[in-house]
Amino acid sequence: MRGLTLLTATILTFGYGFAAQAAMTVDRAATIRRVAGTVDSANPTNDANRVWYGGMLAPVTVETTAQPKCTVP
């Protein structure tokens, strides 16, 4: 009886593992298909949540015109 229980548990464990692997493969394929779509660069707000996978970004320039509040004599 112990052998049958061990065999059943082993079969179920492998079955659950296979089902989880199949689900993750399908989910991964759907994610890659969704992310790999091209976006028109003229209007980047169409897909603002898209993950950036590389390439050249425009440089960011920070300018300030405020005067310091503390002046040291």
N, C-alpha and C. Protein backbone atom coordinates (compact mmCIF):
# COMPACT_ATOMS: atom_id res chain seq x y z
N MET A 1 0.82 -1.20 0.00
CA MET A 1 0.00 0.00 0.00
C MET A 1 0.87 1.26 0.00
N ARG A 2 2.01 1.20 0.72
CA ARG A 2 2.89 2.35 0.75
C ARG A 2 3.45 2.65 -0.63
N GLY A 3 3.77 1.61 -1.39
CA GLY A 3 4.31 1.78 -2.74
C GLY A 3 3.32 2.45 -3.67
N LEU A 4 2.04 2.07 -3.56
CA LEU A 4 1.00 2.68 -4.40
C LEU A 4 0.83 4.16 -4.07
N THR A 5 0.89 4.49 -2.79
CA THR A 5 0.78 5.89 -2.38
C THR A 5 1.95 6.70 -2.91
N LEU A 6 3.15 6.15 -2.81
CA LEU A 6 4.34 6.84 -3.31
C LEU A 6 4.28 7.00 -4.82
N LEU A 7 3.83 5.98 -5.53
CA LEU A 7 3.70 6.05 -6.98
C LEU A 7 2.67 7.10 -7.39
N THR A 8 1.54 7.13 -6.70
CA THR A 8 0.50 8.12 -7.01
C THR A 8 1.00 9.54 -6.75
N ALA A 9 1.68 9.74 -5.63
CA ALA A 9 2.21 11.07 -5.31
C ALA A 9 3.24 11.50 -6.34
N THR A 10 4.09 10.58 -6.78
CA THR A 10 5.10 10.90 -7.78
C THR A 10 4.45 11.28 -9.10
N ILE A 11 3.48 10.53 -9.54
CA ILE A 11 2.79 10.82 -10.80
C ILE A 11 2.08 12.17 -10.73
N LEU A 12 1.42 12.45 -9.62
CA LEU A 12 0.73 13.73 -9.48
C LEU A 12 1.72 14.89 -9.45
N THR A 13 2.86 14.71 -8.78
CA THR A 13 3.86 15.78 -8.73
C THR A 13 4.39 16.09 -10.12
N PHE A 14 4.71 15.06 -10.88
CA PHE A 14 5.17 15.29 -12.25
C PHE A 14 4.08 15.91 -13.11
N GLY A 15 2.85 15.51 -12.90
CA GLY A 15 1.72 16.08 -13.66
C GLY A 15 1.53 17.56 -13.36
N TYR A 16 1.58 17.92 -12.07
CA TYR A 16 1.44 19.32 -11.70
C TYR A 16 2.60 20.15 -12.23
N GLY A 17 3.79 19.58 -12.20
CA GLY A 17 4.96 20.29 -12.73
C GLY A 17 4.84 20.52 -14.22
N PHE A 18 4.37 19.52 -14.95
CA PHE A 18 4.19 19.67 -16.40
C PHE A 18 3.13 20.72 -16.70
N ALA A 19 2.02 20.72 -15.96
CA ALA A 19 0.96 21.70 -16.17
C ALA A 19 1.46 23.12 -15.88
N ALA A 20 2.26 23.28 -14.84
CA ALA A 20 2.80 24.61 -14.51
C ALA A 20 3.77 25.08 -15.59
N GLN A 21 4.60 24.17 -16.09
CA GLN A 21 5.54 24.53 -17.15
C GLN A 21 4.79 24.94 -18.42
N ALA A 22 3.74 24.21 -18.78
CA ALA A 22 2.97 24.55 -19.97
C ALA A 22 2.29 25.91 -19.81
N ALA A 23 1.77 26.20 -18.63
CA ALA A 23 1.12 27.49 -18.40
C ALA A 23 2.12 28.63 -18.49
N MET A 24 3.30 28.45 -17.94
CA MET A 24 4.31 29.50 -17.99
C MET A 24 4.83 29.72 -19.41
N THR A 25 4.93 28.65 -20.20
CA THR A 25 5.39 28.78 -21.58
C THR A 25 4.38 29.58 -22.40
N VAL A 26 3.11 29.30 -22.23
CA VAL A 26 2.07 30.03 -22.95
C VAL A 26 2.06 31.49 -22.52
N ASP A 27 2.18 31.74 -21.21
CA ASP A 27 2.18 33.11 -20.71
C ASP A 27 3.40 33.87 -21.21
N ARG A 28 4.57 33.22 -21.23
CA ARG A 28 5.79 33.87 -21.70
C ARG A 28 5.67 34.21 -23.18
N ALA A 29 5.11 33.31 -23.98
CA ALA A 29 4.94 33.57 -25.41
C ALA A 29 3.99 34.75 -25.64
N ALA A 30 2.92 34.82 -24.86
CA ALA A 30 1.98 35.93 -25.00
C ALA A 30 2.63 37.25 -24.61
N THR A 31 3.46 37.23 -23.57
CA THR A 31 4.13 38.45 -23.14
C THR A 31 5.12 38.92 -24.20
N ILE A 32 5.88 38.01 -24.78
CA ILE A 32 6.85 38.39 -25.81
C ILE A 32 6.13 38.94 -27.03
N ARG A 33 5.03 38.34 -27.42
CA ARG A 33 4.25 38.84 -28.56
C ARG A 33 3.73 40.25 -28.29
N ARG A 34 3.26 40.49 -27.08
CA ARG A 34 2.70 41.80 -26.74
C ARG A 34 3.78 42.87 -26.69
N VAL A 35 4.94 42.55 -26.11
CA VAL A 35 6.00 43.54 -25.93
C VAL A 35 6.76 43.80 -27.22
N ALA A 36 6.83 42.83 -28.10
CA ALA A 36 7.65 42.95 -29.30
C ALA A 36 6.98 43.79 -30.39
N GLY A 37 5.78 44.24 -30.19
CA GLY A 37 5.11 45.06 -31.19
C GLY A 37 5.82 46.37 -31.42
N THR A 38 5.74 46.89 -32.62
CA THR A 38 6.41 48.15 -32.92
C THR A 38 5.50 49.32 -32.55
N VAL A 39 6.12 50.41 -32.16
CA VAL A 39 5.40 51.62 -31.77
C VAL A 39 5.86 52.75 -32.67
N ASP A 40 4.92 53.54 -33.17
CA ASP A 40 5.26 54.70 -34.00
C ASP A 40 5.97 55.72 -33.13
N SER A 41 7.20 56.08 -33.49
CA SER A 41 7.98 56.98 -32.64
C SER A 41 7.48 58.42 -32.70
N ALA A 42 6.63 58.75 -33.67
CA ALA A 42 6.10 60.10 -33.76
C ALA A 42 5.13 60.40 -32.61
N ASN A 43 4.45 59.36 -32.12
CA ASN A 43 3.48 59.55 -31.04
C ASN A 43 3.76 58.50 -29.95
N PRO A 44 4.73 58.76 -29.05
CA PRO A 44 5.09 57.75 -28.06
C PRO A 44 4.05 57.52 -26.97
N THR A 45 3.03 58.37 -26.89
CA THR A 45 2.01 58.19 -25.85
C THR A 45 1.03 57.09 -26.21
N ASN A 46 1.11 56.53 -27.42
CA ASN A 46 0.21 55.43 -27.79
C ASN A 46 0.40 54.23 -26.88
N ASP A 47 1.64 53.95 -26.56
CA ASP A 47 1.94 52.78 -25.74
C ASP A 47 2.93 53.18 -24.65
N ALA A 48 2.48 53.95 -23.68
CA ALA A 48 3.37 54.49 -22.66
C ALA A 48 3.88 53.42 -21.70
N ASN A 49 3.21 52.29 -21.60
CA ASN A 49 3.61 51.25 -20.66
C ASN A 49 4.54 50.22 -21.29
N ARG A 50 4.99 50.44 -22.50
CA ARG A 50 5.85 49.48 -23.19
C ARG A 50 7.24 49.48 -22.54
N VAL A 51 7.84 48.30 -22.43
CA VAL A 51 9.16 48.17 -21.84
C VAL A 51 10.20 48.56 -22.87
N TRP A 52 11.19 49.36 -22.44
CA TRP A 52 12.24 49.81 -23.35
C TRP A 52 13.35 48.78 -23.38
N TYR A 53 13.65 48.24 -24.57
CA TYR A 53 14.66 47.20 -24.70
C TYR A 53 15.94 47.69 -25.34
N GLY A 54 16.21 48.96 -25.34
CA GLY A 54 17.47 49.45 -25.85
C GLY A 54 17.29 50.40 -27.01
N GLY A 55 18.39 50.93 -27.47
CA GLY A 55 18.36 51.88 -28.55
C GLY A 55 18.81 53.24 -28.05
N MET A 56 18.66 54.24 -28.87
CA MET A 56 19.14 55.58 -28.54
C MET A 56 17.99 56.43 -28.03
N LEU A 57 18.16 57.00 -26.87
CA LEU A 57 17.19 57.92 -26.30
C LEU A 57 17.70 59.35 -26.45
N ALA A 58 16.80 60.29 -26.56
CA ALA A 58 17.19 61.69 -26.64
C ALA A 58 17.80 62.12 -25.31
N PRO A 59 18.84 62.97 -25.34
CA PRO A 59 19.46 63.39 -24.09
C PRO A 59 18.52 64.28 -23.27
N VAL A 60 18.67 64.24 -21.96
CA VAL A 60 17.85 65.03 -21.06
C VAL A 60 18.68 66.22 -20.59
N THR A 61 18.14 67.43 -20.75
CA THR A 61 18.83 68.64 -20.33
C THR A 61 18.03 69.30 -19.21
N VAL A 62 18.69 69.58 -18.11
CA VAL A 62 18.04 70.23 -16.97
C VAL A 62 18.58 71.65 -16.87
N GLU A 63 17.66 72.62 -16.83
CA GLU A 63 18.05 74.03 -16.71
C GLU A 63 17.39 74.62 -15.48
N THR A 64 18.07 75.57 -14.88
CA THR A 64 17.50 76.24 -13.72
C THR A 64 17.79 77.73 -13.79
N THR A 65 16.87 78.52 -13.26
CA THR A 65 17.06 79.97 -13.24
C THR A 65 16.91 80.52 -11.82
N ALA A 66 16.74 79.67 -10.83
CA ALA A 66 16.53 80.12 -9.45
C ALA A 66 17.82 80.62 -8.85
N GLN A 67 17.72 81.65 -8.04
CA GLN A 67 18.85 82.20 -7.31
C GLN A 67 19.00 81.47 -5.99
N PRO A 68 20.21 81.31 -5.49
CA PRO A 68 20.36 80.64 -4.20
C PRO A 68 19.76 81.48 -3.07
N LYS A 69 19.16 80.84 -2.09
CA LYS A 69 18.53 81.55 -0.98
C LYS A 69 19.54 82.01 0.06
N CYS A 70 20.65 81.34 0.13
CA CYS A 70 21.66 81.69 1.12
C CYS A 70 22.89 82.24 0.42
N THR A 71 23.24 83.45 0.75
CA THR A 71 24.45 84.04 0.16
C THR A 71 25.51 84.15 1.22
N VAL A 72 26.70 83.67 0.93
CA VAL A 72 27.81 83.72 1.88
C VAL A 72 28.67 84.92 1.52
N PRO A 73 28.89 85.85 2.48
CA PRO A 73 29.68 87.08 2.16
C PRO A 73 31.16 86.79 2.01
